[in-house]
Amino acid sequence: VSVFLSIFQRYMIHMPLRHDLTLAALFAG
C-alpha cells in the first residue's frame, strides 16, 4: 500500500470531483 501510494502520487491522474462529491464518494468507497 505504501509503495503504491508513493507511485500513484508521483504519477497521478488528475480527476478532481469536488463539484460532485457524491460521485467522488461513490468512487472512493
PDB file of all heavy atoms in Angstrom:
ATOM      1  N   VAL A   1       0.842  -1.202   0.000  1.00  0.00           N
ATOM      2  CA  VAL A   1       0.000   0.000   0.000  1.00  0.00           C
ATOM      3  C   VAL A   1       0.872   1.244   0.000  1.00  0.00           C
ATOM      4  O   VAL A   1       0.632   2.199  -0.762  1.00  0.00           O
ATOM      5  CB  VAL A   1      -0.959  -0.001   1.212  1.00  0.00           C
ATOM      6  CG1 VAL A   1      -1.586   1.376   1.398  1.00  0.00           C
ATOM      7  CG2 VAL A   1      -2.052  -1.037   1.020  1.00  0.00           C
ATOM      8  N   SER A   2       1.907   1.281   0.851  1.00  0.00           N
ATOM      9  CA  SER A   2       2.793   2.447   0.907  1.00  0.00           C
ATOM     10  C   SER A   2       3.536   2.643  -0.410  1.00  0.00           C
ATOM     11  O   SER A   2       3.693   3.775  -0.892  1.00  0.00           O
ATOM     12  CB  SER A   2       3.796   2.292   2.056  1.00  0.00           C
ATOM     13  OG  SER A   2       3.163   2.505   3.303  1.00  0.00           O
ATOM     14  N   VAL A   3       3.986   1.548  -1.011  1.00  0.00           N
ATOM     15  CA  VAL A   3       4.698   1.644  -2.293  1.00  0.00           C
ATOM     16  C   VAL A   3       3.772   2.197  -3.368  1.00  0.00           C
ATOM     17  O   VAL A   3       4.145   3.105  -4.127  1.00  0.00           O
ATOM     18  CB  VAL A   3       5.242   0.264  -2.719  1.00  0.00           C
ATOM     19  CG1 VAL A   3       5.768   0.315  -4.157  1.00  0.00           C
ATOM     20  CG2 VAL A   3       6.356  -0.185  -1.777  1.00  0.00           C
ATOM     21  N   PHE A   4       2.557   1.664  -3.447  1.00  0.00           N
ATOM     22  CA  PHE A   4       1.617   2.124  -4.475  1.00  0.00           C
ATOM     23  C   PHE A   4       1.147   3.559  -4.204  1.00  0.00           C
ATOM     24  O   PHE A   4       0.909   4.320  -5.145  1.00  0.00           O
ATOM     25  CB  PHE A   4       0.426   1.179  -4.568  1.00  0.00           C
ATOM     26  CG  PHE A   4       0.717  -0.096  -5.303  1.00  0.00           C
ATOM     27  CD1 PHE A   4       0.617  -1.328  -4.665  1.00  0.00           C
ATOM     28  CD2 PHE A   4       1.097  -0.064  -6.638  1.00  0.00           C
ATOM     29  CE1 PHE A   4       0.897  -2.502  -5.347  1.00  0.00           C
ATOM     30  CE2 PHE A   4       1.378  -1.235  -7.330  1.00  0.00           C
ATOM     31  CZ  PHE A   4       1.279  -2.460  -6.687  1.00  0.00           C
ATOM     32  N   LEU A   5       1.030   3.924  -2.928  1.00  0.00           N
ATOM     33  CA  LEU A   5       0.702   5.322  -2.615  1.00  0.00           C
ATOM     34  C   LEU A   5       1.770   6.257  -3.156  1.00  0.00           C
ATOM     35  O   LEU A   5       1.476   7.316  -3.729  1.00  0.00           O
ATOM     36  CB  LEU A   5       0.563   5.504  -1.091  1.00  0.00           C
ATOM     37  CG  LEU A   5      -0.746   5.062  -0.452  1.00  0.00           C
ATOM     38  CD1 LEU A   5      -0.638   5.144   1.072  1.00  0.00           C
ATOM     39  CD2 LEU A   5      -1.919   5.906  -0.936  1.00  0.00           C
ATOM     40  N   SER A   6       3.020   5.869  -2.958  1.00  0.00           N
ATOM     41  CA  SER A   6       4.125   6.679  -3.455  1.00  0.00           C
ATOM     42  C   SER A   6       4.114   6.763  -4.978  1.00  0.00           C
ATOM     43  O   SER A   6       4.306   7.832  -5.564  1.00  0.00           O
ATOM     44  CB  SER A   6       5.456   6.091  -2.967  1.00  0.00           C
ATOM     45  OG  SER A   6       6.543   6.855  -3.429  1.00  0.00           O
ATOM     46  N   ILE A   7       3.861   5.621  -5.639  1.00  0.00           N
ATOM     47  CA  ILE A   7       3.843   5.581  -7.104  1.00  0.00           C
ATOM     48  C   ILE A   7       2.710   6.433  -7.668  1.00  0.00           C
ATOM     49  O   ILE A   7       2.912   7.250  -8.578  1.00  0.00           O
ATOM     50  CB  ILE A   7       3.701   4.124  -7.603  1.00  0.00           C
ATOM     51  CG1 ILE A   7       4.964   3.327  -7.272  1.00  0.00           C
ATOM     52  CG2 ILE A   7       3.426   4.096  -9.114  1.00  0.00           C
ATOM     53  CD1 ILE A   7       4.846   1.849  -7.569  1.00  0.00           C
ATOM     54  N   PHE A   8       1.498   6.274  -7.107  1.00  0.00           N
ATOM     55  CA  PHE A   8       0.346   6.994  -7.650  1.00  0.00           C
ATOM     56  C   PHE A   8       0.411   8.495  -7.358  1.00  0.00           C
ATOM     57  O   PHE A   8      -0.143   9.301  -8.106  1.00  0.00           O
ATOM     58  CB  PHE A   8      -0.951   6.402  -7.107  1.00  0.00           C
ATOM     59  CG  PHE A   8      -1.278   5.041  -7.666  1.00  0.00           C
ATOM     60  CD1 PHE A   8      -1.677   4.002  -6.827  1.00  0.00           C
ATOM     61  CD2 PHE A   8      -1.173   4.796  -9.022  1.00  0.00           C
ATOM     62  CE1 PHE A   8      -1.966   2.750  -7.339  1.00  0.00           C
ATOM     63  CE2 PHE A   8      -1.461   3.542  -9.550  1.00  0.00           C
ATOM     64  CZ  PHE A   8      -1.858   2.516  -8.709  1.00  0.00           C
ATOM     65  N   GLN A   9       1.081   8.869  -6.263  1.00  0.00           N
ATOM     66  CA  GLN A   9       1.277  10.299  -6.013  1.00  0.00           C
ATOM     67  C   GLN A   9       2.258  10.902  -7.007  1.00  0.00           C
ATOM     68  O   GLN A   9       2.121  12.060  -7.408  1.00  0.00           O
ATOM     69  CB  GLN A   9       1.781  10.520  -4.579  1.00  0.00           C
ATOM     70  CG  GLN A   9       0.729  10.330  -3.516  1.00  0.00           C
ATOM     71  CD  GLN A   9       1.264  10.612  -2.130  1.00  0.00           C
ATOM     72  OE1 GLN A   9       1.236  11.751  -1.662  1.00  0.00           O
ATOM     73  NE2 GLN A   9       1.771   9.580  -1.460  1.00  0.00           N
ATOM     74  N   ARG A  10       3.232  10.102  -7.416  1.00  0.00           N
ATOM     75  CA  ARG A  10       4.233  10.597  -8.364  1.00  0.00           C
ATOM     76  C   ARG A  10       3.665  10.647  -9.782  1.00  0.00           C
ATOM     77  O   ARG A  10       3.955  11.574 -10.547  1.00  0.00           O
ATOM     78  CB  ARG A  10       5.464   9.697  -8.317  1.00  0.00           C
ATOM     79  CG  ARG A  10       6.580  10.125  -9.260  1.00  0.00           C
ATOM     80  CD  ARG A  10       7.840   9.316  -9.018  1.00  0.00           C
ATOM     81  NE  ARG A  10       8.357   9.513  -7.661  1.00  0.00           N
ATOM     82  CZ  ARG A  10       9.478   8.946  -7.201  1.00  0.00           C
ATOM     83  NH1 ARG A  10      10.185   8.150  -7.996  1.00  0.00           N
ATOM     84  NH2 ARG A  10       9.880   9.161  -5.971  1.00  0.00           N
ATOM     85  N   TYR A  11       2.863   9.621 -10.138  1.00  0.00           N
ATOM     86  CA  TYR A  11       2.272   9.568 -11.482  1.00  0.00           C
ATOM     87  C   TYR A  11       0.751   9.660 -11.351  1.00  0.00           C
ATOM     88  O   TYR A  11       0.016   8.732 -11.664  1.00  0.00           O
ATOM     89  CB  TYR A  11       2.683   8.277 -12.177  1.00  0.00           C
ATOM     90  CG  TYR A  11       4.176   8.098 -12.276  1.00  0.00           C
ATOM     91  CD1 TYR A  11       4.850   7.256 -11.398  1.00  0.00           C
ATOM     92  CD2 TYR A  11       4.917   8.799 -13.226  1.00  0.00           C
ATOM     93  CE1 TYR A  11       6.227   7.092 -11.475  1.00  0.00           C
ATOM     94  CE2 TYR A  11       6.299   8.644 -13.318  1.00  0.00           C
ATOM     95  CZ  TYR A  11       6.948   7.794 -12.433  1.00  0.00           C
ATOM     96  OH  TYR A  11       8.311   7.644 -12.512  1.00  0.00           O
ATOM     97  N   MET A  12       0.305  10.786 -10.868  1.00  0.00           N
ATOM     98  CA  MET A  12      -1.117  10.987 -10.551  1.00  0.00           C
ATOM     99  C   MET A  12      -1.929  11.346 -11.799  1.00  0.00           C
ATOM    100  O   MET A  12      -1.473  12.097 -12.658  1.00  0.00           O
ATOM    101  CB  MET A  12      -1.265  12.099  -9.502  1.00  0.00           C
ATOM    102  CG  MET A  12      -2.683  12.284  -8.993  1.00  0.00           C
ATOM    103  SD  MET A  12      -2.801  13.656  -7.809  1.00  0.00           S
ATOM    104  CE  MET A  12      -1.702  13.089  -6.513  1.00  0.00           C
ATOM    105  N   ILE A  13      -3.119  10.781 -11.871  1.00  0.00           N
ATOM    106  CA  ILE A  13      -4.086  11.152 -12.906  1.00  0.00           C
ATOM    107  C   ILE A  13      -5.041  12.158 -12.274  1.00  0.00           C
ATOM    108  O   ILE A  13      -5.736  11.836 -11.310  1.00  0.00           O
ATOM    109  CB  ILE A  13      -4.871   9.930 -13.404  1.00  0.00           C
ATOM    110  CG1 ILE A  13      -3.912   8.865 -13.949  1.00  0.00           C
ATOM    111  CG2 ILE A  13      -5.880  10.342 -14.476  1.00  0.00           C
ATOM    112  CD1 ILE A  13      -4.597   7.552 -14.282  1.00  0.00           C
ATOM    113  N   HIS A  14      -5.076  13.350 -12.765  1.00  0.00           N
ATOM    114  CA  HIS A  14      -5.901  14.382 -12.143  1.00  0.00           C
ATOM    115  C   HIS A  14      -7.374  14.193 -12.522  1.00  0.00           C
ATOM    116  O   HIS A  14      -7.742  14.277 -13.687  1.00  0.00           O
ATOM    117  CB  HIS A  14      -5.413  15.769 -12.561  1.00  0.00           C
ATOM    118  CG  HIS A  14      -4.070  16.111 -12.000  1.00  0.00           C
ATOM    119  ND1 HIS A  14      -3.899  16.514 -10.693  1.00  0.00           N
ATOM    120  CD2 HIS A  14      -2.834  16.077 -12.555  1.00  0.00           C
ATOM    121  CE1 HIS A  14      -2.612  16.726 -10.471  1.00  0.00           C
ATOM    122  NE2 HIS A  14      -1.938  16.468 -11.585  1.00  0.00           N
ATOM    123  N   MET A  15      -8.176  13.895 -11.526  1.00  0.00           N
ATOM    124  CA  MET A  15      -9.612  13.718 -11.731  1.00  0.00           C
ATOM    125  C   MET A  15     -10.386  14.343 -10.567  1.00  0.00           C
ATOM    126  O   MET A  15     -11.105  13.640  -9.847  1.00  0.00           O
ATOM    127  CB  MET A  15      -9.961  12.237 -11.901  1.00  0.00           C
ATOM    128  CG  MET A  15      -9.360  11.303 -10.864  1.00  0.00           C
ATOM    129  SD  MET A  15      -9.862   9.586 -11.121  1.00  0.00           S
ATOM    130  CE  MET A  15      -8.961   9.158 -12.598  1.00  0.00           C
ATOM    131  N   PRO A  16     -10.236  15.649 -10.345  1.00  0.00           N
ATOM    132  CA  PRO A  16     -10.939  16.313  -9.241  1.00  0.00           C
ATOM    133  C   PRO A  16     -12.447  16.280  -9.441  1.00  0.00           C
ATOM    134  O   PRO A  16     -12.957  16.570 -10.525  1.00  0.00           O
ATOM    135  CB  PRO A  16     -10.397  17.741  -9.286  1.00  0.00           C
ATOM    136  CG  PRO A  16      -9.950  17.932 -10.694  1.00  0.00           C
ATOM    137  CD  PRO A  16      -9.448  16.600 -11.155  1.00  0.00           C
ATOM    138  N   LEU A  17     -13.160  15.917  -8.401  1.00  0.00           N
ATOM    139  CA  LEU A  17     -14.626  15.821  -8.472  1.00  0.00           C
ATOM    140  C   LEU A  17     -15.273  16.626  -7.346  1.00  0.00           C
ATOM    141  O   LEU A  17     -16.346  16.266  -6.864  1.00  0.00           O
ATOM    142  CB  LEU A  17     -15.062  14.350  -8.382  1.00  0.00           C
ATOM    143  CG  LEU A  17     -14.640  13.441  -9.539  1.00  0.00           C
ATOM    144  CD1 LEU A  17     -14.939  11.984  -9.206  1.00  0.00           C
ATOM    145  CD2 LEU A  17     -15.356  13.835 -10.816  1.00  0.00           C
ATOM    146  N   ARG A  18     -14.628  17.712  -6.923  1.00  0.00           N
ATOM    147  CA  ARG A  18     -15.175  18.487  -5.815  1.00  0.00           C
ATOM    148  C   ARG A  18     -16.511  19.131  -6.176  1.00  0.00           C
ATOM    149  O   ARG A  18     -17.278  19.494  -5.293  1.00  0.00           O
ATOM    150  CB  ARG A  18     -14.173  19.552  -5.377  1.00  0.00           C
ATOM    151  CG  ARG A  18     -12.922  18.957  -4.731  1.00  0.00           C
ATOM    152  CD  ARG A  18     -12.142  19.982  -3.944  1.00  0.00           C
ATOM    153  NE  ARG A  18     -10.919  19.417  -3.400  1.00  0.00           N
ATOM    154  CZ  ARG A  18     -10.116  20.050  -2.564  1.00  0.00           C
ATOM    155  NH1 ARG A  18     -10.404  21.294  -2.183  1.00  0.00           N
ATOM    156  NH2 ARG A  18      -9.023  19.480  -2.105  1.00  0.00           N
ATOM    157  N   HIS A  19     -16.775  19.289  -7.469  1.00  0.00           N
ATOM    158  CA  HIS A  19     -18.068  19.825  -7.888  1.00  0.00           C
ATOM    159  C   HIS A  19     -19.159  18.770  -7.753  1.00  0.00           C
ATOM    160  O   HIS A  19     -20.350  19.071  -7.800  1.00  0.00           O
ATOM    161  CB  HIS A  19     -17.991  20.296  -9.342  1.00  0.00           C
ATOM    162  CG  HIS A  19     -17.708  19.187 -10.317  1.00  0.00           C
ATOM    163  ND1 HIS A  19     -16.441  18.640 -10.456  1.00  0.00           N
ATOM    164  CD2 HIS A  19     -18.512  18.510 -11.163  1.00  0.00           C
ATOM    165  CE1 HIS A  19     -16.485  17.678 -11.370  1.00  0.00           C
ATOM    166  NE2 HIS A  19     -17.722  17.574 -11.805  1.00  0.00           N
ATOM    167  N   ASP A  20     -18.746  17.492  -7.600  1.00  0.00           N
ATOM    168  CA  ASP A  20     -19.704  16.392  -7.455  1.00  0.00           C
ATOM    169  C   ASP A  20     -19.145  15.405  -6.431  1.00  0.00           C
ATOM    170  O   ASP A  20     -18.641  14.338  -6.775  1.00  0.00           O
ATOM    171  CB  ASP A  20     -19.928  15.704  -8.799  1.00  0.00           C
ATOM    172  CG  ASP A  20     -21.096  14.715  -8.768  1.00  0.00           C
ATOM    173  OD1 ASP A  20     -21.598  14.432  -7.664  1.00  0.00           O
ATOM    174  OD2 ASP A  20     -21.496  14.234  -9.843  1.00  0.00           O
ATOM    175  N   LEU A  21     -19.262  15.770  -5.144  1.00  0.00           N
ATOM    176  CA  LEU A  21     -18.706  14.924  -4.087  1.00  0.00           C
ATOM    177  C   LEU A  21     -19.460  13.601  -3.933  1.00  0.00           C
ATOM    178  O   LEU A  21     -18.921  12.640  -3.387  1.00  0.00           O
ATOM    179  CB  LEU A  21     -18.708  15.683  -2.759  1.00  0.00           C
ATOM    180  CG  LEU A  21     -17.616  16.752  -2.592  1.00  0.00           C
ATOM    181  CD1 LEU A  21     -17.703  17.411  -1.228  1.00  0.00           C
ATOM    182  CD2 LEU A  21     -16.231  16.142  -2.799  1.00  0.00           C
ATOM    183  N   THR A  22     -20.698  13.565  -4.415  1.00  0.00           N
ATOM    184  CA  THR A  22     -21.431  12.296  -4.384  1.00  0.00           C
ATOM    185  C   THR A  22     -20.711  11.263  -5.235  1.00  0.00           C
ATOM    186  O   THR A  22     -20.494  10.114  -4.809  1.00  0.00           O
ATOM    187  CB  THR A  22     -22.867  12.481  -4.904  1.00  0.00           C
ATOM    188  OG1 THR A  22     -23.548  13.422  -4.079  1.00  0.00           O
ATOM    189  CG2 THR A  22     -23.622  11.147  -4.879  1.00  0.00           C
ATOM    190  N   LEU A  23     -20.343  11.660  -6.439  1.00  0.00           N
ATOM    191  CA  LEU A  23     -19.620  10.763  -7.335  1.00  0.00           C
ATOM    192  C   LEU A  23     -18.246  10.416  -6.765  1.00  0.00           C
ATOM    193  O   LEU A  23     -17.807   9.261  -6.845  1.00  0.00           O
ATOM    194  CB  LEU A  23     -19.472  11.415  -8.713  1.00  0.00           C
ATOM    195  CG  LEU A  23     -18.995  10.514  -9.858  1.00  0.00           C
ATOM    196  CD1 LEU A  23     -19.941   9.349 -10.048  1.00  0.00           C
ATOM    197  CD2 LEU A  23     -18.884  11.323 -11.148  1.00  0.00           C
ATOM    198  N   ALA A  24     -17.579  11.395  -6.176  1.00  0.00           N
ATOM    199  CA  ALA A  24     -16.266  11.150  -5.582  1.00  0.00           C
ATOM    200  C   ALA A  24     -16.374  10.134  -4.442  1.00  0.00           C
ATOM    201  O   ALA A  24     -15.530   9.228  -4.320  1.00  0.00           O
ATOM    202  CB  ALA A  24     -15.679  12.460  -5.060  1.00  0.00           C
ATOM    203  N   ALA A  25     -17.405  10.267  -3.617  1.00  0.00           N
ATOM    204  CA  ALA A  25     -17.606   9.343  -2.500  1.00  0.00           C
ATOM    205  C   ALA A  25     -17.908   7.934  -2.999  1.00  0.00           C
ATOM    206  O   ALA A  25     -17.429   6.941  -2.430  1.00  0.00           O
ATOM    207  CB  ALA A  25     -18.738   9.839  -1.601  1.00  0.00           C
ATOM    208  N   LEU A  26     -18.708   7.821  -4.062  1.00  0.00           N
ATOM    209  CA  LEU A  26     -19.027   6.517  -4.628  1.00  0.00           C
ATOM    210  C   LEU A  26     -17.764   5.832  -5.158  1.00  0.00           C
ATOM    211  O   LEU A  26     -17.518   4.650  -4.878  1.00  0.00           O
ATOM    212  CB  LEU A  26     -20.054   6.663  -5.746  1.00  0.00           C
ATOM    213  CG  LEU A  26     -21.477   7.055  -5.319  1.00  0.00           C
ATOM    214  CD1 LEU A  26     -22.351   7.312  -6.541  1.00  0.00           C
ATOM    215  CD2 LEU A  26     -22.100   5.957  -4.457  1.00  0.00           C
ATOM    216  N   PHE A  27     -16.970   6.578  -5.926  1.00  0.00           N
ATOM    217  CA  PHE A  27     -15.731   6.015  -6.458  1.00  0.00           C
ATOM    218  C   PHE A  27     -14.788   5.617  -5.327  1.00  0.00           C
ATOM    219  O   PHE A  27     -14.175   4.537  -5.358  1.00  0.00           O
ATOM    220  CB  PHE A  27     -15.048   7.026  -7.382  1.00  0.00           C
ATOM    221  CG  PHE A  27     -15.529   6.964  -8.800  1.00  0.00           C
ATOM    222  CD1 PHE A  27     -16.108   8.070  -9.398  1.00  0.00           C
ATOM    223  CD2 PHE A  27     -15.399   5.801  -9.540  1.00  0.00           C
ATOM    224  CE1 PHE A  27     -16.556   8.019 -10.716  1.00  0.00           C
ATOM    225  CE2 PHE A  27     -15.836   5.738 -10.859  1.00  0.00           C
ATOM    226  CZ  PHE A  27     -16.418   6.851 -11.445  1.00  0.00           C
ATOM    227  N   ALA A  28     -14.646   6.494  -4.338  1.00  0.00           N
ATOM    228  CA  ALA A  28     -13.750   6.207  -3.216  1.00  0.00           C
ATOM    229  C   ALA A  28     -14.189   4.942  -2.480  1.00  0.00           C
ATOM    230  O   ALA A  28     -13.366   4.070  -2.174  1.00  0.00           O
ATOM    231  CB  ALA A  28     -13.718   7.395  -2.257  1.00  0.00           C
ATOM    232  N   GLY A  29     -15.490   4.839  -2.192  1.00  0.00           N
ATOM    233  CA  GLY A  29     -15.999   3.681  -1.472  1.00  0.00           C
ATOM    234  C   GLY A  29     -15.803   2.388  -2.235  1.00  0.00           C
ATOM    235  O   GLY A  29     -15.389   1.367  -1.663  1.00  0.00           O
TER     236      GLY A  29
END
